Amino acid sequence: MKQIKIVFQGDSITDAGRDRRQYHHMGSGYPKFASEYLKANHPDVDFTFYNFGIGGNRACQVFDRLWQDGLAFQPDIISILIGRG
């Protein structure tokens, strides 16, 4: 079975009320819907999802934590979404 790691990174639109004590908690926003969609439509793939969204962060803050919160987990895909603020 193919394995794919996906990191969601961003501000409140990514955070979406996630439990920050659990990297794998997707919150109630787009990471939740994207991960559910991918799992349902690709049952032959073993996905691991991480959500590192932090509400209130600006682009420069997301960039500053990109290594620690994203690249250090060696993901196959990083999704970055930052709203206007």
PDB file of N, CA and C in Angstrom:
ATOM      1  N   MET A   1       0.850  -1.184   0.000  1.00  0.00           N
ATOM      2  CA  MET A   1       0.000   0.000   0.000  1.00  0.00           C
ATOM      3  C   MET A   1       0.887   1.236   0.000  1.00  0.00           C
ATOM      4  N   LYS A   2       0.559   2.158  -0.875  1.00  0.00           N
ATOM      5  CA  LYS A   2       1.304   3.413  -0.967  1.00  0.00           C
ATOM      6  C   LYS A   2       1.017   4.271   0.263  1.00  0.00           C
ATOM      7  N   GLN A   3       2.066   4.935   0.782  1.00  0.00           N
ATOM      8  CA  GLN A   3       1.918   5.820   1.934  1.00  0.00           C
ATOM      9  C   GLN A   3       2.209   7.256   1.510  1.00  0.00           C
ATOM     10  N   ILE A   4       1.347   8.179   1.946  1.00  0.00           N
ATOM     11  CA  ILE A   4       1.517   9.593   1.634  1.00  0.00           C
ATOM     12  C   ILE A   4       1.288  10.409   2.898  1.00  0.00           C
ATOM     13  N   LYS A   5       2.255  11.299   3.199  1.00  0.00           N
ATOM     14  CA  LYS A   5       2.128  12.225   4.327  1.00  0.00           C
ATOM     15  C   LYS A   5       1.789  13.608   3.792  1.00  0.00           C
ATOM     16  N   ILE A   6       0.740  14.203   4.371  1.00  0.00           N
ATOM     17  CA  ILE A   6       0.312  15.541   3.959  1.00  0.00           C
ATOM     18  C   ILE A   6       0.277  16.456   5.184  1.00  0.00           C
ATOM     19  N   VAL A   7       0.914  17.617   5.055  1.00  0.00           N
ATOM     20  CA  VAL A   7       0.923  18.633   6.105  1.00  0.00           C
ATOM     21  C   VAL A   7       0.064  19.801   5.654  1.00  0.00           C
ATOM     22  N   PHE A   8      -0.841  20.217   6.524  1.00  0.00           N
ATOM     23  CA  PHE A   8      -1.625  21.434   6.317  1.00  0.00           C
ATOM     24  C   PHE A   8      -0.999  22.520   7.180  1.00  0.00           C
ATOM     25  N   GLN A   9      -0.675  23.647   6.563  1.00  0.00           N
ATOM     26  CA  GLN A   9      -0.001  24.740   7.251  1.00  0.00           C
ATOM     27  C   GLN A   9      -0.737  26.036   6.930  1.00  0.00           C
ATOM     28  N   GLY A  10      -0.891  26.907   7.921  1.00  0.00           N
ATOM     29  CA  GLY A  10      -1.545  28.178   7.646  1.00  0.00           C
ATOM     30  C   GLY A  10      -2.000  28.893   8.898  1.00  0.00           C
ATOM     31  N   ASP A  11      -3.032  29.724   8.726  1.00  0.00           N
ATOM     32  CA  ASP A  11      -3.564  30.526   9.831  1.00  0.00           C
ATOM     33  C   ASP A  11      -4.897  29.941  10.290  1.00  0.00           C
ATOM     34  N   SER A  12      -5.820  30.795  10.705  1.00  0.00           N
ATOM     35  CA  SER A  12      -7.091  30.318  11.275  1.00  0.00           C
ATOM     36  C   SER A  12      -7.919  29.502  10.296  1.00  0.00           C
ATOM     37  N   ILE A  13      -7.786  29.783   9.007  1.00  0.00           N
ATOM     38  CA  ILE A  13      -8.558  29.029   8.027  1.00  0.00           C
ATOM     39  C   ILE A  13      -8.081  27.572   7.961  1.00  0.00           C
ATOM     40  N   THR A  14      -6.848  27.339   8.367  1.00  0.00           N
ATOM     41  CA  THR A  14      -6.296  25.984   8.445  1.00  0.00           C
ATOM     42  C   THR A  14      -6.493  25.412   9.840  1.00  0.00           C
ATOM     43  N   ASP A  15      -6.283  26.216  10.855  1.00  0.00           N
ATOM     44  CA  ASP A  15      -6.468  25.800  12.251  1.00  0.00           C
ATOM     45  C   ASP A  15      -7.883  25.256  12.462  1.00  0.00           C
ATOM     46  N   ALA A  16      -8.870  26.070  12.142  1.00  0.00           N
ATOM     47  CA  ALA A  16     -10.287  25.680  12.165  1.00  0.00           C
ATOM     48  C   ALA A  16     -10.695  24.945  13.438  1.00  0.00           C
ATOM     49  N   GLY A  17     -10.195  25.414  14.575  1.00  0.00           N
ATOM     50  CA  GLY A  17     -10.605  24.844  15.855  1.00  0.00           C
ATOM     51  C   GLY A  17      -9.976  23.503  16.180  1.00  0.00           C
ATOM     52  N   ARG A  18      -8.838  23.194  15.582  1.00  0.00           N
ATOM     53  CA  ARG A  18      -8.203  21.906  15.848  1.00  0.00           C
ATOM     54  C   ARG A  18      -7.713  21.832  17.294  1.00  0.00           C
ATOM     55  N   ASP A  19      -7.524  20.623  17.772  1.00  0.00           N
ATOM     56  CA  ASP A  19      -6.926  20.392  19.088  1.00  0.00           C
ATOM     57  C   ASP A  19      -5.410  20.451  18.883  1.00  0.00           C
ATOM     58  N   ARG A  20      -4.780  21.517  19.317  1.00  0.00           N
ATOM     59  CA  ARG A  20      -3.354  21.733  19.047  1.00  0.00           C
ATOM     60  C   ARG A  20      -2.447  20.749  19.782  1.00  0.00           C
ATOM     61  N   ARG A  21      -2.993  19.984  20.692  1.00  0.00           N
ATOM     62  CA  ARG A  21      -2.192  18.956  21.372  1.00  0.00           C
ATOM     63  C   ARG A  21      -2.038  17.715  20.502  1.00  0.00           C
ATOM     64  N   GLN A  22      -2.817  17.646  19.418  1.00  0.00           N
ATOM     65  CA  GLN A  22      -2.799  16.473  18.539  1.00  0.00           C
ATOM     66  C   GLN A  22      -2.573  16.916  17.098  1.00  0.00           C
ATOM     67  N   TYR A  23      -1.410  16.634  16.564  1.00  0.00           N
ATOM     68  CA  TYR A  23      -1.081  17.023  15.188  1.00  0.00           C
ATOM     69  C   TYR A  23      -2.064  16.455  14.174  1.00  0.00           C
ATOM     70  N   HIS A  24      -2.645  15.313  14.487  1.00  0.00           N
ATOM     71  CA  HIS A  24      -3.506  14.640  13.525  1.00  0.00           C
ATOM     72  C   HIS A  24      -4.962  15.099  13.596  1.00  0.00           C
ATOM     73  N   HIS A  25      -5.281  16.001  14.510  1.00  0.00           N
ATOM     74  CA  HIS A  25      -6.644  16.532  14.596  1.00  0.00           C
ATOM     75  C   HIS A  25      -6.809  17.570  13.491  1.00  0.00           C
ATOM     76  N   MET A  26      -7.803  17.403  12.649  1.00  0.00           N
ATOM     77  CA  MET A  26      -7.968  18.247  11.471  1.00  0.00           C
ATOM     78  C   MET A  26      -8.827  19.484  11.694  1.00  0.00           C
ATOM     79  N   GLY A  27      -9.447  19.628  12.864  1.00  0.00           N
ATOM     80  CA  GLY A  27     -10.324  20.769  13.076  1.00  0.00           C
ATOM     81  C   GLY A  27     -11.617  20.599  12.299  1.00  0.00           C
ATOM     82  N   SER A  28     -12.279  21.716  12.024  1.00  0.00           N
ATOM     83  CA  SER A  28     -13.574  21.635  11.338  1.00  0.00           C
ATOM     84  C   SER A  28     -13.576  22.371   9.998  1.00  0.00           C
ATOM     85  N   GLY A  29     -12.411  22.668   9.459  1.00  0.00           N
ATOM     86  CA  GLY A  29     -12.326  23.412   8.215  1.00  0.00           C
ATOM     87  C   GLY A  29     -11.839  22.571   7.051  1.00  0.00           C
ATOM     88  N   TYR A  30     -11.163  23.222   6.121  1.00  0.00           N
ATOM     89  CA  TYR A  30     -10.774  22.547   4.884  1.00  0.00           C
ATOM     90  C   TYR A  30      -9.851  21.350   5.094  1.00  0.00           C
ATOM     91  N   PRO A  31      -8.939  21.333   6.107  1.00  0.00           N
ATOM     92  CA  PRO A  31      -8.130  20.123   6.285  1.00  0.00           C
ATOM     93  C   PRO A  31      -8.987  18.889   6.596  1.00  0.00           C
ATOM     94  N   LYS A  32     -10.047  19.088   7.362  1.00  0.00           N
ATOM     95  CA  LYS A  32     -10.959  17.974   7.677  1.00  0.00           C
ATOM     96  C   LYS A  32     -11.621  17.450   6.404  1.00  0.00           C
ATOM     97  N   PHE A  33     -12.160  18.368   5.606  1.00  0.00           N
ATOM     98  CA  PHE A  33     -12.865  17.958   4.399  1.00  0.00           C
ATOM     99  C   PHE A  33     -11.913  17.370   3.355  1.00  0.00           C
ATOM    100  N   ALA A  34     -10.729  17.945   3.226  1.00  0.00           N
ATOM    101  CA  ALA A  34      -9.751  17.429   2.265  1.00  0.00           C
ATOM    102  C   ALA A  34      -9.276  16.037   2.669  1.00  0.00           C
ATOM    103  N   SER A  35      -8.984  15.850   3.951  1.00  0.00           N
ATOM    104  CA  SER A  35      -8.507  14.532   4.398  1.00  0.00           C
ATOM    105  C   SER A  35      -9.603  13.478   4.270  1.00  0.00           C
ATOM    106  N   GLU A  36     -10.831  13.824   4.601  1.00  0.00           N
ATOM    107  CA  GLU A  36     -11.942  12.875   4.450  1.00  0.00           C
ATOM    108  C   GLU A  36     -12.162  12.520   2.978  1.00  0.00           C
ATOM    109  N   TYR A  37     -12.080  13.513   2.117  1.00  0.00           N
ATOM    110  CA  TYR A  37     -12.257  13.278   0.685  1.00  0.00           C
ATOM    111  C   TYR A  37     -11.164  12.344   0.149  1.00  0.00           C
ATOM    112  N   LEU A  38      -9.930  12.643   0.496  1.00  0.00           N
ATOM    113  CA  LEU A  38      -8.820  11.832   0.002  1.00  0.00           C
ATOM    114  C   LEU A  38      -8.919  10.386   0.481  1.00  0.00           C
ATOM    115  N   LYS A  39      -9.232  10.198   1.753  1.00  0.00           N
ATOM    116  CA  LYS A  39      -9.354   8.827   2.285  1.00  0.00           C
ATOM    117  C   LYS A  39     -10.486   8.072   1.606  1.00  0.00           C
ATOM    118  N   ALA A  40     -11.619   8.739   1.391  1.00  0.00           N
ATOM    119  CA  ALA A  40     -12.778   8.081   0.795  1.00  0.00           C
ATOM    120  C   ALA A  40     -12.555   7.732  -0.673  1.00  0.00           C
ATOM    121  N   ASN A  41     -11.812   8.574  -1.388  1.00  0.00           N
ATOM    122  CA  ASN A  41     -11.637   8.382  -2.826  1.00  0.00           C
ATOM    123  C   ASN A  41     -10.347   7.666  -3.219  1.00  0.00           C
ATOM    124  N   HIS A  42      -9.505   7.401  -2.228  1.00  0.00           N
ATOM    125  CA  HIS A  42      -8.244   6.690  -2.492  1.00  0.00           C
ATOM    126  C   HIS A  42      -7.999   5.660  -1.390  1.00  0.00           C
ATOM    127  N   PRO A  43      -8.855   4.657  -1.305  1.00  0.00           N
ATOM    128  CA  PRO A  43      -8.724   3.665  -0.226  1.00  0.00           C
ATOM    129  C   PRO A  43      -7.453   2.822  -0.327  1.00  0.00           C
ATOM    130  N   ASP A  44      -6.789   2.873  -1.467  1.00  0.00           N
ATOM    131  CA  ASP A  44      -5.555   2.113  -1.661  1.00  0.00           C
ATOM    132  C   ASP A  44      -4.324   2.851  -1.146  1.00  0.00           C
ATOM    133  N   VAL A  45      -4.512   4.051  -0.588  1.00  0.00           N
ATOM    134  CA  VAL A  45      -3.404   4.859  -0.082  1.00  0.00           C
ATOM    135  C   VAL A  45      -3.519   4.974   1.440  1.00  0.00           C
ATOM    136  N   ASP A  46      -2.394   4.797   2.109  1.00  0.00           N
ATOM    137  CA  ASP A  46      -2.324   4.980   3.560  1.00  0.00           C
ATOM    138  C   ASP A  46      -1.872   6.421   3.823  1.00  0.00           C
ATOM    139  N   PHE A  47      -2.831   7.300   4.098  1.00  0.00           N
ATOM    140  CA  PHE A  47      -2.536   8.711   4.333  1.00  0.00           C
ATOM    141  C   PHE A  47      -2.213   8.961   5.799  1.00  0.00           C
ATOM    142  N   THR A  48      -1.285   9.880   6.014  1.00  0.00           N
ATOM    143  CA  THR A  48      -1.046  10.446   7.336  1.00  0.00           C
ATOM    144  C   THR A  48      -1.181  11.948   7.177  1.00  0.00           C
ATOM    145  N   PHE A  49      -2.066  12.552   7.973  1.00  0.00           N
ATOM    146  CA  PHE A  49      -2.330  13.988   7.872  1.00  0.00           C
ATOM    147  C   PHE A  49      -1.861  14.697   9.142  1.00  0.00           C
ATOM    148  N   TYR A  50      -1.280  15.874   8.956  1.00  0.00           N
ATOM    149  CA  TYR A  50      -0.856  16.733  10.063  1.00  0.00           C
ATOM    150  C   TYR A  50      -1.469  18.113   9.838  1.00  0.00           C
ATOM    151  N   ASN A  51      -1.988  18.729  10.894  1.00  0.00           N
ATOM    152  CA  ASN A  51      -2.526  20.082  10.798  1.00  0.00           C
ATOM    153  C   ASN A  51      -1.729  20.980  11.734  1.00  0.00           C
ATOM    154  N   PHE A  52      -1.050  21.967  11.155  1.00  0.00           N
ATOM    155  CA  PHE A  52      -0.255  22.914  11.934  1.00  0.00           C
ATOM    156  C   PHE A  52      -0.760  24.341  11.790  1.00  0.00           C
ATOM    157  N   GLY A  53      -2.035  24.507  11.441  1.00  0.00           N
ATOM    158  CA  GLY A  53      -2.605  25.844  11.348  1.00  0.00           C
ATOM    159  C   GLY A  53      -2.667  26.493  12.722  1.00  0.00           C
ATOM    160  N   ILE A  54      -2.354  27.785  12.768  1.00  0.00           N
ATOM    161  CA  ILE A  54      -2.453  28.558  14.011  1.00  0.00           C
ATOM    162  C   ILE A  54      -3.190  29.852  13.697  1.00  0.00           C
ATOM    163  N   GLY A  55      -4.380  29.981  14.270  1.00  0.00           N
ATOM    164  CA  GLY A  55      -5.176  31.171  14.072  1.00  0.00           C
ATOM    165  C   GLY A  55      -4.427  32.425  14.474  1.00  0.00           C
ATOM    166  N   GLY A  56      -4.537  33.467  13.661  1.00  0.00           N
ATOM    167  CA  GLY A  56      -3.884  34.737  13.955  1.00  0.00           C
ATOM    168  C   GLY A  56      -2.507  34.879  13.333  1.00  0.00           C
ATOM    169  N   ASN A  57      -1.939  33.789  12.837  1.00  0.00           N
ATOM    170  CA  ASN A  57      -0.621  33.873  12.206  1.00  0.00           C
ATOM    171  C   ASN A  57      -0.703  34.616  10.890  1.00  0.00           C
ATOM    172  N   ARG A  58       0.364  35.333  10.591  1.00  0.00           N
ATOM    173  CA  ARG A  58       0.509  36.007   9.304  1.00  0.00           C
ATOM    174  C   ARG A  58       1.459  35.194   8.443  1.00  0.00           C
ATOM    175  N   ALA A  59       1.552  35.549   7.180  1.00  0.00           N
ATOM    176  CA  ALA A  59       2.387  34.792   6.242  1.00  0.00           C
ATOM    177  C   ALA A  59       3.823  34.647   6.752  1.00  0.00           C
ATOM    178  N   CYS A  60       4.391  35.723   7.310  1.00  0.00           N
ATOM    179  CA  CYS A  60       5.773  35.654   7.791  1.00  0.00           C
ATOM    180  C   CYS A  60       5.911  34.669   8.957  1.00  0.00           C
ATOM    181  N   GLN A  61       4.892  34.564   9.806  1.00  0.00           N
ATOM    182  CA  GLN A  61       4.941  33.619  10.913  1.00  0.00           C
ATOM    183  C   GLN A  61       4.805  32.179  10.422  1.00  0.00           C
ATOM    184  N   VAL A  62       3.933  31.977   9.452  1.00  0.00           N
ATOM    185  CA  VAL A  62       3.785  30.642   8.860  1.00  0.00           C
ATOM    186  C   VAL A  62       5.106  30.234   8.215  1.00  0.00           C
ATOM    187  N   PHE A  63       5.738  31.150   7.500  1.00  0.00           N
ATOM    188  CA  PHE A  63       7.031  30.861   6.881  1.00  0.00           C
ATOM    189  C   PHE A  63       8.079  30.519   7.934  1.00  0.00           C
ATOM    190  N   ASP A  64       8.103  31.283   9.030  1.00  0.00           N
ATOM    191  CA  ASP A  64       9.092  31.052  10.090  1.00  0.00           C
ATOM    192  C   ASP A  64       8.958  29.661  10.710  1.00  0.00           C
ATOM    193  N   ARG A  65       7.744  29.115  10.769  1.00  0.00           N
ATOM    194  CA  ARG A  65       7.576  27.798  11.377  1.00  0.00           C
ATOM    195  C   ARG A  65       7.469  26.671  10.364  1.00  0.00           C
ATOM    196  N   LEU A  66       7.725  26.986   9.103  1.00  0.00           N
ATOM    197  CA  LEU A  66       7.605  25.972   8.058  1.00  0.00           C
ATOM    198  C   LEU A  66       8.532  24.775   8.303  1.00  0.00           C
ATOM    199  N   TRP A  67       9.764  25.023   8.714  1.00  0.00           N
ATOM    200  CA  TRP A  67      10.689  23.901   8.955  1.00  0.00           C
ATOM    201  C   TRP A  67      10.230  23.055  10.138  1.00  0.00           C
ATOM    202  N   GLN A  68      10.009  23.689  11.258  1.00  0.00           N
ATOM    203  CA  GLN A  68       9.651  22.958  12.480  1.00  0.00           C
ATOM    204  C   GLN A  68       8.324  22.228  12.336  1.00  0.00           C
ATOM    205  N   ASP A  69       7.336  22.880  11.770  1.00  0.00           N
ATOM    206  CA  ASP A  69       5.989  22.307  11.716  1.00  0.00           C
ATOM    207  C   ASP A  69       5.705  21.532  10.440  1.00  0.00           C
ATOM    208  N   GLY A  70       6.531  21.647   9.465  1.00  0.00           N
ATOM    209  CA  GLY A  70       6.203  21.011   8.193  1.00  0.00           C
ATOM    210  C   GLY A  70       7.300  20.125   7.661  1.00  0.00           C
ATOM    211  N   LEU A  71       8.385  20.730   7.271  1.00  0.00           N
ATOM    212  CA  LEU A  71       9.458  19.992   6.599  1.00  0.00           C
ATOM    213  C   LEU A  71      10.103  18.946   7.497  1.00  0.00           C
ATOM    214  N   ALA A  72      10.141  19.174   8.790  1.00  0.00           N
ATOM    215  CA  ALA A  72      10.746  18.211   9.713  1.00  0.00           C
ATOM    216  C   ALA A  72      10.011  16.870   9.703  1.00  0.00           C
ATOM    217  N   PHE A  73       8.749  16.869   9.307  1.00  0.00           N
ATOM    218  CA  PHE A  73       7.966  15.631   9.247  1.00  0.00           C
ATOM    219  C   PHE A  73       8.135  14.912   7.911  1.00  0.00           C
ATOM    220  N   GLN A  74       8.941  15.473   7.029  1.00  0.00           N
ATOM    221  CA  GLN A  74       9.227  14.913   5.714  1.00  0.00           C
ATOM    222  C   GLN A  74       7.961  14.520   4.954  1.00  0.00           C
ATOM    223  N   PRO A  75       7.066  15.500   4.764  1.00  0.00           N
ATOM    224  CA  PRO A  75       5.823  15.195   4.048  1.00  0.00           C
ATOM    225  C   PRO A  75       6.053  15.040   2.551  1.00  0.00           C
ATOM    226  N   ASP A  76       5.110  14.368   1.942  1.00  0.00           N
ATOM    227  CA  ASP A  76       5.113  14.278   0.484  1.00  0.00           C
ATOM    228  C   ASP A  76       4.469  15.527  -0.122  1.00  0.00           C
ATOM    229  N   ILE A  77       3.505  16.088   0.623  1.00  0.00           N
ATOM    230  CA  ILE A  77       2.753  17.264   0.164  1.00  0.00           C
ATOM    231  C   ILE A  77       2.583  18.223   1.330  1.00  0.00           C
ATOM    232  N   ILE A  78       2.751  19.524   1.061  1.00  0.00           N
ATOM    233  CA  ILE A  78       2.438  20.563   2.050  1.00  0.00           C
ATOM    234  C   ILE A  78       1.390  21.473   1.431  1.00  0.00           C
ATOM    235  N   SER A  79       0.273  21.647   2.135  1.00  0.00           N
ATOM    236  CA  SER A  79      -0.776  22.559   1.717  1.00  0.00           C
ATOM    237  C   SER A  79      -0.705  23.789   2.606  1.00  0.00           C
ATOM    238  N   ILE A  80      -0.495  24.954   2.005  1.00  0.00           N
ATOM    239  CA  ILE A  80      -0.420  26.202   2.765  1.00  0.00           C
ATOM    240  C   ILE A  80      -1.584  27.081   2.348  1.00  0.00           C
ATOM    241  N   LEU A  81      -2.380  27.471   3.330  1.00  0.00           N
ATOM    242  CA  LEU A  81      -3.510  28.353   3.052  1.00  0.00           C
ATOM    243  C   LEU A  81      -3.544  29.445   4.120  1.00  0.00           C
ATOM    244  N   ILE A  82      -3.464  30.685   3.672  1.00  0.00           N
ATOM    245  CA  ILE A  82      -3.465  31.838   4.565  1.00  0.00           C
ATOM    246  C   ILE A  82      -4.494  32.819   4.038  1.00  0.00           C
ATOM    247  N   GLY A  83      -5.408  33.214   4.907  1.00  0.00           N
ATOM    248  CA  GLY A  83      -6.446  34.166   4.510  1.00  0.00           C
ATOM    249  C   GLY A  83      -5.925  35.589   4.547  1.00  0.00           C
ATOM    250  N   ARG A  84      -6.813  36.510   4.265  1.00  0.00           N
ATOM    251  CA  ARG A  84      -6.467  37.941   4.349  1.00  0.00           C
ATOM    252  C   ARG A  84      -6.571  38.381   5.787  1.00  0.00           C
ATOM    253  N   GLY A  85      -5.709  39.259   6.175  1.00  0.00           N
ATOM    254  CA  GLY A  85      -5.789  39.721   7.548  1.00  0.00           C
ATOM    255  C   GLY A  85      -5.153  41.024   7.791  1.00  0.00           C
TER     256      GLY A  85
END
